[in-house]
Amino acid sequence: MKTHIMDNNNNWTKYDYVCNDCDALMEITTLIKLKSWRGWCSCGSPNLVNIGVSDAFAPVMSITPSNVVKINSNPYN
């Protein structure tokens, strides 16, 4: 997995999408400029519409390790 460090030379962009079939909202924040992205919604639909593009100004402070929360568990117990 490739990671990026936020600095003045990196311009993050946030892309917002909505699924036409189930109304799910999706956000992709990336350093890569997406001219067009054809993905699939978790409902299985390919009918995604880009509803917005904006600069992402919030810095990434840290990434939560994948082993912190187990799937199908309650982290508050």
C-alpha atoms as a PDB file:
ATOM      1  CA  MET A   1       0.000   0.000   0.000  1.00  0.00           C
ATOM      2  CA  LYS A   2       1.367   3.384  -0.986  1.00  0.00           C
ATOM      3  CA  THR A   3       1.037   6.154   1.576  1.00  0.00           C
ATOM      4  CA  HIS A   4       1.500   9.889   1.239  1.00  0.00           C
ATOM      5  CA  ILE A   5       2.670  12.430   3.787  1.00  0.00           C
ATOM      6  CA  MET A   6       0.715  15.689   3.844  1.00  0.00           C
ATOM      7  CA  ASP A   7       2.945  18.661   3.071  1.00  0.00           C
ATOM      8  CA  ASN A   8       2.794  21.894   1.080  1.00  0.00           C
ATOM      9  CA  ASN A   9       3.617  20.098  -2.177  1.00  0.00           C
ATOM     10  CA  ASN A  10       0.652  17.714  -2.005  1.00  0.00           C
ATOM     11  CA  ASN A  11      -2.812  18.880  -3.034  1.00  0.00           C
ATOM     12  CA  TRP A  12      -5.478  16.523  -1.756  1.00  0.00           C
ATOM     13  CA  THR A  13      -8.842  16.522  -3.539  1.00  0.00           C
ATOM     14  CA  LYS A  14     -12.175  15.243  -2.217  1.00  0.00           C
ATOM     15  CA  TYR A  15     -14.634  13.662  -4.669  1.00  0.00           C
ATOM     16  CA  ASP A  16     -18.249  13.067  -3.592  1.00  0.00           C
ATOM     17  CA  TYR A  17     -20.515  10.515  -5.282  1.00  0.00           C
ATOM     18  CA  VAL A  18     -24.103   9.346  -4.813  1.00  0.00           C
ATOM     19  CA  CYS A  19     -25.599   6.027  -5.887  1.00  0.00           C
ATOM     20  CA  ASN A  20     -28.710   6.449  -8.055  1.00  0.00           C
ATOM     21  CA  ASP A  21     -30.133   3.126  -6.873  1.00  0.00           C
ATOM     22  CA  CYS A  22     -29.771   3.192  -3.064  1.00  0.00           C
ATOM     23  CA  ASP A  23     -28.837   6.849  -2.336  1.00  0.00           C
ATOM     24  CA  ALA A  24     -25.565   5.874  -0.632  1.00  0.00           C
ATOM     25  CA  LEU A  25     -23.031   8.693  -0.379  1.00  0.00           C
ATOM     26  CA  MET A  26     -19.350   8.004  -1.101  1.00  0.00           C
ATOM     27  CA  GLU A  27     -16.285  10.147  -0.600  1.00  0.00           C
ATOM     28  CA  ILE A  28     -12.868   9.595  -2.124  1.00  0.00           C
ATOM     29  CA  THR A  29     -10.006  11.753  -0.880  1.00  0.00           C
ATOM     30  CA  THR A  30      -6.855  11.336  -2.937  1.00  0.00           C
ATOM     31  CA  LEU A  31      -3.714  12.945  -4.304  1.00  0.00           C
ATOM     32  CA  ILE A  32      -4.546  11.528  -7.731  1.00  0.00           C
ATOM     33  CA  LYS A  33      -6.589  13.794 -10.005  1.00  0.00           C
ATOM     34  CA  LEU A  34      -9.580  11.713 -11.076  1.00  0.00           C
ATOM     35  CA  LYS A  35     -10.868  12.722 -14.510  1.00  0.00           C
ATOM     36  CA  SER A  36     -13.461   9.985 -14.367  1.00  0.00           C
ATOM     37  CA  TRP A  37     -13.910   7.163 -11.904  1.00  0.00           C
ATOM     38  CA  ARG A  38     -16.107   4.177 -12.585  1.00  0.00           C
ATOM     39  CA  GLY A  39     -16.648   2.204  -9.439  1.00  0.00           C
ATOM     40  CA  TRP A  40     -19.396   0.159  -7.896  1.00  0.00           C
ATOM     41  CA  CYS A  41     -21.590   0.895  -4.910  1.00  0.00           C
ATOM     42  CA  SER A  42     -21.737  -1.653  -2.095  1.00  0.00           C
ATOM     43  CA  CYS A  43     -25.314  -2.395  -3.245  1.00  0.00           C
ATOM     44  CA  GLY A  44     -23.818  -3.669  -6.523  1.00  0.00           C
ATOM     45  CA  SER A  45     -24.918  -0.752  -8.675  1.00  0.00           C
ATOM     46  CA  PRO A  46     -22.573   0.923 -11.179  1.00  0.00           C
ATOM     47  CA  ASN A  47     -24.895   3.984 -11.283  1.00  0.00           C
ATOM     48  CA  LEU A  48     -22.722   6.494  -9.413  1.00  0.00           C
ATOM     49  CA  VAL A  49     -22.941  10.240 -10.045  1.00  0.00           C
ATOM     50  CA  ASN A  50     -20.251  12.746  -9.072  1.00  0.00           C
ATOM     51  CA  ILE A  51     -21.985  15.426  -6.991  1.00  0.00           C
ATOM     52  CA  GLY A  52     -18.970  17.477  -5.968  1.00  0.00           C
ATOM     53  CA  VAL A  53     -15.234  18.068  -6.095  1.00  0.00           C
ATOM     54  CA  SER A  54     -13.371  20.208  -3.571  1.00  0.00           C
ATOM     55  CA  ASP A  55      -9.938  20.769  -2.103  1.00  0.00           C
ATOM     56  CA  ALA A  56      -9.326  18.695   1.006  1.00  0.00           C
ATOM     57  CA  PHE A  57      -7.647  20.956   3.544  1.00  0.00           C
ATOM     58  CA  ALA A  58      -7.806  18.822   6.694  1.00  0.00           C
ATOM     59  CA  PRO A  59      -4.401  17.262   7.355  1.00  0.00           C
ATOM     60  CA  VAL A  60      -4.120  13.552   7.988  1.00  0.00           C
ATOM     61  CA  MET A  61      -2.838  13.304  11.556  1.00  0.00           C
ATOM     62  CA  SER A  62      -2.576   9.538  11.878  1.00  0.00           C
ATOM     63  CA  ILE A  63      -3.990   6.350  10.467  1.00  0.00           C
ATOM     64  CA  THR A  64      -5.725   3.913  12.808  1.00  0.00           C
ATOM     65  CA  PRO A  65      -4.039   0.488  12.683  1.00  0.00           C
ATOM     66  CA  SER A  66      -6.259  -2.188  11.143  1.00  0.00           C
ATOM     67  CA  ASN A  67      -6.027  -4.433  14.218  1.00  0.00           C
ATOM     68  CA  VAL A  68      -7.558  -1.914  16.650  1.00  0.00           C
ATOM     69  CA  VAL A  69     -11.220  -2.953  16.193  1.00  0.00           C
ATOM     70  CA  LYS A  70     -12.209  -6.512  15.400  1.00  0.00           C
ATOM     71  CA  ILE A  71     -15.012  -7.078  12.910  1.00  0.00           C
ATOM     72  CA  ASN A  72     -18.327  -7.998  14.563  1.00  0.00           C
ATOM     73  CA  SER A  73     -17.125  -6.881  17.990  1.00  0.00           C
ATOM     74  CA  ASN A  74     -18.148  -4.102  20.337  1.00  0.00           C
ATOM     75  CA  PRO A  75     -15.094  -1.922  21.066  1.00  0.00           C
ATOM     76  CA  TYR A  76     -16.834  -0.414  24.103  1.00  0.00           C
ATOM     77  CA  ASN A  77     -16.955  -3.649  26.150  1.00  0.00           C
END
